[in-house]
All heavy atoms as atom14 arrays in JSON, in Angstrom:
{
  "sequence": "SGNRRLDTGNGAINTPAFLSDKLFLMNGKVAIDGLADEGS",
  "atom14_mask": [
    [1, 1, 1, 1, 1, 1, 0, 0, 0, 0, 0, 0, 0, 0],
    [1, 1, 1, 1, 0, 0, 0, 0, 0, 0, 0, 0, 0, 0],
    [1, 1, 1, 1, 1, 1, 1, 1, 0, 0, 0, 0, 0, 0],
    [1, 1, 1, 1, 1, 1, 1, 1, 1, 1, 1, 0, 0, 0],
    [1, 1, 1, 1, 1, 1, 1, 1, 1, 1, 1, 0, 0, 0],
    [1, 1, 1, 1, 1, 1, 1, 1, 0, 0, 0, 0, 0, 0],
    [1, 1, 1, 1, 1, 1, 1, 1, 0, 0, 0, 0, 0, 0],
    [1, 1, 1, 1, 1, 1, 1, 0, 0, 0, 0, 0, 0, 0],
    [1, 1, 1, 1, 0, 0, 0, 0, 0, 0, 0, 0, 0, 0],
    [1, 1, 1, 1, 1, 1, 1, 1, 0, 0, 0, 0, 0, 0],
    [1, 1, 1, 1, 0, 0, 0, 0, 0, 0, 0, 0, 0, 0],
    [1, 1, 1, 1, 1, 0, 0, 0, 0, 0, 0, 0, 0, 0],
    [1, 1, 1, 1, 1, 1, 1, 1, 0, 0, 0, 0, 0, 0],
    [1, 1, 1, 1, 1, 1, 1, 1, 0, 0, 0, 0, 0, 0],
    [1, 1, 1, 1, 1, 1, 1, 0, 0, 0, 0, 0, 0, 0],
    [1, 1, 1, 1, 1, 1, 1, 0, 0, 0, 0, 0, 0, 0],
    [1, 1, 1, 1, 1, 0, 0, 0, 0, 0, 0, 0, 0, 0],
    [1, 1, 1, 1, 1, 1, 1, 1, 1, 1, 1, 0, 0, 0],
    [1, 1, 1, 1, 1, 1, 1, 1, 0, 0, 0, 0, 0, 0],
    [1, 1, 1, 1, 1, 1, 0, 0, 0, 0, 0, 0, 0, 0],
    [1, 1, 1, 1, 1, 1, 1, 1, 0, 0, 0, 0, 0, 0],
    [1, 1, 1, 1, 1, 1, 1, 1, 1, 0, 0, 0, 0, 0],
    [1, 1, 1, 1, 1, 1, 1, 1, 0, 0, 0, 0, 0, 0],
    [1, 1, 1, 1, 1, 1, 1, 1, 1, 1, 1, 0, 0, 0],
    [1, 1, 1, 1, 1, 1, 1, 1, 0, 0, 0, 0, 0, 0],
    [1, 1, 1, 1, 1, 1, 1, 1, 0, 0, 0, 0, 0, 0],
    [1, 1, 1, 1, 1, 1, 1, 1, 0, 0, 0, 0, 0, 0],
    [1, 1, 1, 1, 0, 0, 0, 0, 0, 0, 0, 0, 0, 0],
    [1, 1, 1, 1, 1, 1, 1, 1, 1, 0, 0, 0, 0, 0],
    [1, 1, 1, 1, 1, 1, 1, 0, 0, 0, 0, 0, 0, 0],
    [1, 1, 1, 1, 1, 0, 0, 0, 0, 0, 0, 0, 0, 0],
    [1, 1, 1, 1, 1, 1, 1, 1, 0, 0, 0, 0, 0, 0],
    [1, 1, 1, 1, 1, 1, 1, 1, 0, 0, 0, 0, 0, 0],
    [1, 1, 1, 1, 0, 0, 0, 0, 0, 0, 0, 0, 0, 0],
    [1, 1, 1, 1, 1, 1, 1, 1, 0, 0, 0, 0, 0, 0],
    [1, 1, 1, 1, 1, 0, 0, 0, 0, 0, 0, 0, 0, 0],
    [1, 1, 1, 1, 1, 1, 1, 1, 0, 0, 0, 0, 0, 0],
    [1, 1, 1, 1, 1, 1, 1, 1, 1, 0, 0, 0, 0, 0],
    [1, 1, 1, 1, 0, 0, 0, 0, 0, 0, 0, 0, 0, 0],
    [1, 1, 1, 1, 1, 1, 0, 0, 0, 0, 0, 0, 0, 0]
  ],
  "atom14_positions": [
    [[16.95, -2.34, 14.76], [16.65, -1.68, 16.03], [17.72, -0.62, 16.3], [18.79, -0.65, 15.72], [16.63, -2.71, 17.18], [17.96, -3.06, 17.53], [0.0, 0.0, 0.0], [0.0, 0.0, 0.0], [0.0, 0.0, 0.0], [0.0, 0.0, 0.0], [0.0, 0.0, 0.0], [0.0, 0.0, 0.0], [0.0, 0.0, 0.0], [0.0, 0.0, 0.0]],
    [[17.42, 0.28, 17.23], [18.37, 1.33, 17.6], [19.62, 0.77, 18.25], [20.69, 1.38, 18.23], [0.0, 0.0, 0.0], [0.0, 0.0, 0.0], [0.0, 0.0, 0.0], [0.0, 0.0, 0.0], [0.0, 0.0, 0.0], [0.0, 0.0, 0.0], [0.0, 0.0, 0.0], [0.0, 0.0, 0.0], [0.0, 0.0, 0.0], [0.0, 0.0, 0.0]],
    [[19.51, -0.4, 18.87], [20.65, -1.02, 19.53], [21.57, -1.76, 18.57], [22.69, -2.15, 18.96], [20.19, -1.98, 20.63], [19.51, -1.26, 21.75], [19.89, -0.14, 22.09], [18.51, -1.87, 22.34], [0.0, 0.0, 0.0], [0.0, 0.0, 0.0], [0.0, 0.0, 0.0], [0.0, 0.0, 0.0], [0.0, 0.0, 0.0], [0.0, 0.0, 0.0]],
    [[21.15, -1.98, 17.35], [21.94, -2.75, 16.4], [23.3, -2.12, 16.19], [24.29, -2.8, 16.01], [21.19, -2.9, 15.08], [21.92, -3.7, 14.02], [22.1, -5.15, 14.32], [20.84, -5.82, 14.22], [20.61, -7.03, 14.69], [21.59, -7.69, 15.3], [19.45, -7.59, 14.58], [0.0, 0.0, 0.0], [0.0, 0.0, 0.0], [0.0, 0.0, 0.0]],
    [[23.38, -0.8, 16.23], [24.65, -0.12, 16.01], [25.67, -0.45, 17.12], [26.87, -0.39, 16.9], [24.47, 1.39, 15.92], [23.82, 1.82, 14.63], [23.92, 3.32, 14.45], [23.19, 3.76, 13.3], [23.66, 3.76, 12.07], [24.87, 3.32, 11.85], [22.94, 4.19, 11.06], [0.0, 0.0, 0.0], [0.0, 0.0, 0.0], [0.0, 0.0, 0.0]],
    [[25.18, -0.83, 18.29], [26.05, -1.14, 19.42], [26.64, -2.54, 19.32], [27.72, -2.8, 19.82], [25.3, -1.0, 20.74], [24.73, 0.39, 21.04], [23.9, 0.36, 22.32], [25.85, 1.42, 21.14], [0.0, 0.0, 0.0], [0.0, 0.0, 0.0], [0.0, 0.0, 0.0], [0.0, 0.0, 0.0], [0.0, 0.0, 0.0], [0.0, 0.0, 0.0]],
    [[25.93, -3.46, 18.69], [26.37, -4.86, 18.69], [26.74, -5.42, 17.32], [26.87, -6.6, 17.15], [25.33, -5.76, 19.36], [23.98, -5.76, 18.65], [23.87, -5.11, 17.61], [23.06, -6.41, 19.15], [0.0, 0.0, 0.0], [0.0, 0.0, 0.0], [0.0, 0.0, 0.0], [0.0, 0.0, 0.0], [0.0, 0.0, 0.0], [0.0, 0.0, 0.0]],
    [[26.9, -4.52, 16.33], [27.22, -4.95, 14.97], [28.4, -4.15, 14.45], [28.48, -2.95, 14.69], [26.0, -4.75, 14.04], [24.9, -5.45, 14.59], [26.28, -5.26, 12.65], [0.0, 0.0, 0.0], [0.0, 0.0, 0.0], [0.0, 0.0, 0.0], [0.0, 0.0, 0.0], [0.0, 0.0, 0.0], [0.0, 0.0, 0.0], [0.0, 0.0, 0.0]],
    [[29.28, -4.81, 13.73], [30.43, -4.11, 13.13], [29.99, -3.18, 12.02], [28.85, -3.15, 11.58], [0.0, 0.0, 0.0], [0.0, 0.0, 0.0], [0.0, 0.0, 0.0], [0.0, 0.0, 0.0], [0.0, 0.0, 0.0], [0.0, 0.0, 0.0], [0.0, 0.0, 0.0], [0.0, 0.0, 0.0], [0.0, 0.0, 0.0], [0.0, 0.0, 0.0]],
    [[30.93, -2.37, 11.56], [30.72, -1.46, 10.42], [29.61, -0.43, 10.68], [28.95, 0.0, 9.76], [30.41, -2.23, 9.14], [31.52, -3.14, 8.73], [32.69, -2.79, 8.89], [31.18, -4.31, 8.23], [0.0, 0.0, 0.0], [0.0, 0.0, 0.0], [0.0, 0.0, 0.0], [0.0, 0.0, 0.0], [0.0, 0.0, 0.0], [0.0, 0.0, 0.0]],
    [[29.39, -0.06, 11.96], [28.39, 0.95, 12.26], [26.98, 0.53, 11.93], [26.11, 1.35, 11.73], [0.0, 0.0, 0.0], [0.0, 0.0, 0.0], [0.0, 0.0, 0.0], [0.0, 0.0, 0.0], [0.0, 0.0, 0.0], [0.0, 0.0, 0.0], [0.0, 0.0, 0.0], [0.0, 0.0, 0.0], [0.0, 0.0, 0.0], [0.0, 0.0, 0.0]],
    [[26.77, -0.77, 11.82], [25.45, -1.33, 11.5], [24.91, -0.83, 10.17], [23.71, -0.62, 10.03], [24.45, -1.1, 12.62], [0.0, 0.0, 0.0], [0.0, 0.0, 0.0], [0.0, 0.0, 0.0], [0.0, 0.0, 0.0], [0.0, 0.0, 0.0], [0.0, 0.0, 0.0], [0.0, 0.0, 0.0], [0.0, 0.0, 0.0], [0.0, 0.0, 0.0]],
    [[25.79, -0.67, 9.22], [25.33, -0.29, 7.88], [24.49, -1.44, 7.33], [24.88, -2.6, 7.41], [26.55, -0.05, 6.95], [27.36, 1.14, 7.46], [26.11, 0.16, 5.53], [28.7, 1.29, 6.79], [0.0, 0.0, 0.0], [0.0, 0.0, 0.0], [0.0, 0.0, 0.0], [0.0, 0.0, 0.0], [0.0, 0.0, 0.0], [0.0, 0.0, 0.0]],
    [[23.34, -1.11, 6.79], [22.56, -2.14, 6.1], [23.31, -2.49, 4.83], [23.55, -1.63, 3.98], [21.14, -1.65, 5.76], [20.18, -1.89, 6.89], [20.4, -2.76, 7.72], [19.14, -1.11, 6.94], [0.0, 0.0, 0.0], [0.0, 0.0, 0.0], [0.0, 0.0, 0.0], [0.0, 0.0, 0.0], [0.0, 0.0, 0.0], [0.0, 0.0, 0.0]],
    [[23.72, -3.72, 4.71], [24.48, -4.13, 3.54], [23.6, -4.02, 2.29], [22.4, -4.23, 2.35], [24.99, -5.57, 3.68], [23.91, -6.43, 3.94], [26.01, -5.67, 4.79], [0.0, 0.0, 0.0], [0.0, 0.0, 0.0], [0.0, 0.0, 0.0], [0.0, 0.0, 0.0], [0.0, 0.0, 0.0], [0.0, 0.0, 0.0], [0.0, 0.0, 0.0]],
    [[24.2, -3.67, 1.16], [23.44, -3.59, -0.07], [22.81, -4.96, -0.41], [23.36, -6.01, -0.08], [24.48, -3.22, -1.12], [25.6, -2.65, -0.35], [25.59, -3.31, 0.96], [0.0, 0.0, 0.0], [0.0, 0.0, 0.0], [0.0, 0.0, 0.0], [0.0, 0.0, 0.0], [0.0, 0.0, 0.0], [0.0, 0.0, 0.0], [0.0, 0.0, 0.0]],
    [[21.67, -4.91, -1.07], [20.97, -6.12, -1.46], [20.61, -5.99, -2.94], [20.04, -4.97, -3.37], [19.71, -6.32, -0.63], [0.0, 0.0, 0.0], [0.0, 0.0, 0.0], [0.0, 0.0, 0.0], [0.0, 0.0, 0.0], [0.0, 0.0, 0.0], [0.0, 0.0, 0.0], [0.0, 0.0, 0.0], [0.0, 0.0, 0.0], [0.0, 0.0, 0.0]],
    [[20.95, -7.0, -3.72], [20.55, -6.99, -5.12], [19.05, -7.3, -5.22], [18.52, -8.03, -4.41], [21.34, -8.05, -5.91], [22.82, -7.8, -5.95], [23.71, -8.77, -5.57], [23.33, -6.59, -6.37], [25.08, -8.56, -5.6], [24.69, -6.34, -6.4], [25.56, -7.33, -6.03], [0.0, 0.0, 0.0], [0.0, 0.0, 0.0], [0.0, 0.0, 0.0]],
    [[18.4, -6.77, -6.24], [16.98, -7.03, -6.45], [16.72, -8.44, -6.96], [15.62, -8.94, -6.85], [16.36, -5.99, -7.37], [16.36, -4.55, -6.84], [15.63, -3.62, -7.82], [15.7, -4.47, -5.46], [0.0, 0.0, 0.0], [0.0, 0.0, 0.0], [0.0, 0.0, 0.0], [0.0, 0.0, 0.0], [0.0, 0.0, 0.0], [0.0, 0.0, 0.0]],
    [[17.75, -9.04, -7.54], [17.63, -10.41, -8.05], [18.82, -11.23, -7.58], [19.91, -10.71, -7.43], [17.58, -10.42, -9.58], [17.59, -11.72, -10.08], [0.0, 0.0, 0.0], [0.0, 0.0, 0.0], [0.0, 0.0, 0.0], [0.0, 0.0, 0.0], [0.0, 0.0, 0.0], [0.0, 0.0, 0.0], [0.0, 0.0, 0.0], [0.0, 0.0, 0.0]],
    [[18.59, -12.52, -7.35], [19.71, -13.37, -6.94], [20.43, -13.97, -8.16], [21.37, -14.75, -8.01], [19.25, -14.47, -6.0], [18.22, -15.41, -6.61], [17.71, -15.13, -7.7], [17.94, -16.43, -5.99], [0.0, 0.0, 0.0], [0.0, 0.0, 0.0], [0.0, 0.0, 0.0], [0.0, 0.0, 0.0], [0.0, 0.0, 0.0], [0.0, 0.0, 0.0]],
    [[19.98, -13.58, -9.36], [20.63, -14.06, -10.58], [20.96, -12.86, -11.47], [20.23, -11.89, -11.51], [19.69, -14.99, -11.34], [19.43, -16.3, -10.62], [18.53, -17.2, -11.44], [18.33, -18.52, -10.79], [17.55, -18.5, -9.59], [0.0, 0.0, 0.0], [0.0, 0.0, 0.0], [0.0, 0.0, 0.0], [0.0, 0.0, 0.0], [0.0, 0.0, 0.0]],
    [[22.09, -12.95, -12.15], [22.49, -11.93, -13.1], [22.53, -12.55, -14.49], [23.04, -13.66, -14.64], [23.88, -11.38, -12.74], [24.0, -10.76, -11.36], [25.42, -10.35, -11.09], [23.06, -9.59, -11.19], [0.0, 0.0, 0.0], [0.0, 0.0, 0.0], [0.0, 0.0, 0.0], [0.0, 0.0, 0.0], [0.0, 0.0, 0.0], [0.0, 0.0, 0.0]],
    [[22.02, -11.85, -15.47], [21.92, -12.38, -16.82], [22.76, -11.57, -17.79], [22.66, -10.33, -17.81], [20.47, -12.42, -17.3], [19.6, -13.33, -16.46], [18.81, -12.81, -15.46], [19.62, -14.69, -16.66], [18.01, -13.62, -14.69], [18.82, -15.52, -15.88], [18.03, -14.99, -14.89], [0.0, 0.0, 0.0], [0.0, 0.0, 0.0], [0.0, 0.0, 0.0]],
    [[23.59, -12.23, -18.56], [24.38, -11.6, -19.59], [23.55, -11.48, -20.85], [23.1, -12.48, -21.41], [25.64, -12.44, -19.86], [26.66, -11.88, -20.82], [27.26, -10.59, -20.28], [27.75, -12.92, -21.08], [0.0, 0.0, 0.0], [0.0, 0.0, 0.0], [0.0, 0.0, 0.0], [0.0, 0.0, 0.0], [0.0, 0.0, 0.0], [0.0, 0.0, 0.0]],
    [[23.29, -10.23, -21.27], [22.48, -9.99, -22.48], [23.23, -9.0, -23.35], [23.53, -7.89, -22.93], [21.11, -9.44, -22.1], [20.28, -10.43, -21.26], [18.68, -9.79, -20.73], [17.89, -9.64, -22.3], [0.0, 0.0, 0.0], [0.0, 0.0, 0.0], [0.0, 0.0, 0.0], [0.0, 0.0, 0.0], [0.0, 0.0, 0.0], [0.0, 0.0, 0.0]],
    [[23.53, -9.42, -24.57], [24.27, -8.59, -25.52], [25.58, -8.09, -24.93], [25.97, -6.94, -25.12], [23.41, -7.4, -25.99], [22.17, -7.85, -26.72], [22.19, -8.82, -27.47], [21.07, -7.15, -26.5], [0.0, 0.0, 0.0], [0.0, 0.0, 0.0], [0.0, 0.0, 0.0], [0.0, 0.0, 0.0], [0.0, 0.0, 0.0], [0.0, 0.0, 0.0]],
    [[26.24, -8.95, -24.16], [27.54, -8.6, -23.58], [27.47, -7.7, -22.35], [28.49, -7.21, -21.89], [0.0, 0.0, 0.0], [0.0, 0.0, 0.0], [0.0, 0.0, 0.0], [0.0, 0.0, 0.0], [0.0, 0.0, 0.0], [0.0, 0.0, 0.0], [0.0, 0.0, 0.0], [0.0, 0.0, 0.0], [0.0, 0.0, 0.0], [0.0, 0.0, 0.0]],
    [[26.26, -7.46, -21.83], [26.09, -6.55, -20.69], [25.29, -7.21, -19.58], [24.45, -8.06, -19.83], [25.38, -5.28, -21.13], [26.18, -4.47, -22.13], [25.44, -3.22, -22.54], [26.26, -2.48, -23.6], [25.58, -1.27, -24.04], [0.0, 0.0, 0.0], [0.0, 0.0, 0.0], [0.0, 0.0, 0.0], [0.0, 0.0, 0.0], [0.0, 0.0, 0.0]],
    [[25.58, -6.78, -18.34], [24.84, -7.25, -17.16], [24.32, -6.03, -16.43], [25.09, -5.13, -16.07], [25.77, -8.06, -16.22], [25.04, -8.41, -14.92], [26.27, -9.32, -16.91], [0.0, 0.0, 0.0], [0.0, 0.0, 0.0], [0.0, 0.0, 0.0], [0.0, 0.0, 0.0], [0.0, 0.0, 0.0], [0.0, 0.0, 0.0], [0.0, 0.0, 0.0]],
    [[23.0, -5.97, -16.2], [22.39, -4.88, -15.44], [22.28, -5.31, -13.98], [21.83, -6.42, -13.7], [21.01, -4.54, -16.0], [0.0, 0.0, 0.0], [0.0, 0.0, 0.0], [0.0, 0.0, 0.0], [0.0, 0.0, 0.0], [0.0, 0.0, 0.0], [0.0, 0.0, 0.0], [0.0, 0.0, 0.0], [0.0, 0.0, 0.0], [0.0, 0.0, 0.0]],
    [[22.73, -4.44, -13.08], [22.68, -4.74, -11.66], [21.86, -3.65, -10.98], [22.15, -2.46, -11.13], [24.1, -4.81, -11.05], [24.87, -5.95, -11.71], [24.02, -4.99, -9.54], [26.3, -6.07, -11.25], [0.0, 0.0, 0.0], [0.0, 0.0, 0.0], [0.0, 0.0, 0.0], [0.0, 0.0, 0.0], [0.0, 0.0, 0.0], [0.0, 0.0, 0.0]],
    [[20.82, -4.06, -10.26], [19.98, -3.15, -9.52], [19.89, -3.62, -8.07], [19.9, -4.82, -7.81], [18.55, -3.14, -10.11], [18.54, -2.65, -11.53], [18.71, -1.43, -11.73], [18.37, -3.46, -12.45], [0.0, 0.0, 0.0], [0.0, 0.0, 0.0], [0.0, 0.0, 0.0], [0.0, 0.0, 0.0], [0.0, 0.0, 0.0], [0.0, 0.0, 0.0]],
    [[19.8, -2.65, -7.13], [19.71, -3.07, -5.75], [19.28, -1.94, -4.83], [18.95, -0.83, -5.27], [0.0, 0.0, 0.0], [0.0, 0.0, 0.0], [0.0, 0.0, 0.0], [0.0, 0.0, 0.0], [0.0, 0.0, 0.0], [0.0, 0.0, 0.0], [0.0, 0.0, 0.0], [0.0, 0.0, 0.0], [0.0, 0.0, 0.0], [0.0, 0.0, 0.0]],
    [[19.28, -2.26, -3.55], [18.9, -1.32, -2.49], [20.0, -1.26, -1.45], [20.63, -2.26, -1.13], [17.6, -1.77, -1.82], [16.37, -1.82, -2.7], [15.21, -2.46, -1.93], [15.99, -0.43, -3.14], [0.0, 0.0, 0.0], [0.0, 0.0, 0.0], [0.0, 0.0, 0.0], [0.0, 0.0, 0.0], [0.0, 0.0, 0.0], [0.0, 0.0, 0.0]],
    [[20.23, -0.04, -0.92], [21.23, 0.2, 0.12], [20.76, 1.38, 0.95], [19.74, 2.01, 0.62], [22.58, 0.45, -0.5], [0.0, 0.0, 0.0], [0.0, 0.0, 0.0], [0.0, 0.0, 0.0], [0.0, 0.0, 0.0], [0.0, 0.0, 0.0], [0.0, 0.0, 0.0], [0.0, 0.0, 0.0], [0.0, 0.0, 0.0], [0.0, 0.0, 0.0]],
    [[21.5, 1.73, 2.0], [21.2, 2.94, 2.75], [21.3, 4.12, 1.8], [22.19, 4.18, 0.95], [22.16, 3.13, 3.9], [21.86, 2.25, 5.1], [20.74, 1.66, 5.15], [22.72, 2.12, 5.98], [0.0, 0.0, 0.0], [0.0, 0.0, 0.0], [0.0, 0.0, 0.0], [0.0, 0.0, 0.0], [0.0, 0.0, 0.0], [0.0, 0.0, 0.0]],
    [[20.36, 5.07, 1.91], [20.35, 6.21, 1.0], [21.67, 6.96, 1.03], [22.28, 7.15, 2.09], [19.19, 7.15, 1.31], [19.29, 7.83, 2.65], [18.13, 8.77, 2.89], [16.99, 8.27, 2.97], [18.38, 9.98, 3.06], [0.0, 0.0, 0.0], [0.0, 0.0, 0.0], [0.0, 0.0, 0.0], [0.0, 0.0, 0.0], [0.0, 0.0, 0.0]],
    [[22.14, 7.36, -0.13], [23.37, 8.12, -0.26], [24.65, 7.34, -0.06], [25.73, 7.9, -0.18], [0.0, 0.0, 0.0], [0.0, 0.0, 0.0], [0.0, 0.0, 0.0], [0.0, 0.0, 0.0], [0.0, 0.0, 0.0], [0.0, 0.0, 0.0], [0.0, 0.0, 0.0], [0.0, 0.0, 0.0], [0.0, 0.0, 0.0], [0.0, 0.0, 0.0]],
    [[24.53, 6.05, 0.24], [25.74, 5.26, 0.45], [26.41, 4.9, -0.86], [25.78, 4.85, -1.91], [25.45, 4.01, 1.28], [24.55, 3.16, 0.58], [0.0, 0.0, 0.0], [0.0, 0.0, 0.0], [0.0, 0.0, 0.0], [0.0, 0.0, 0.0], [0.0, 0.0, 0.0], [0.0, 0.0, 0.0], [0.0, 0.0, 0.0], [0.0, 0.0, 0.0]]
  ]
}
């Protein structure tokens, strides 16, 4: 909501969210994908 910026710390930035709640190690590498505010 528009009021969220008034009652939430950090300027009400939507915290980043991973697309998966599990990370898998494959060939020594971990791919991480997610969503956050654009340009953040």
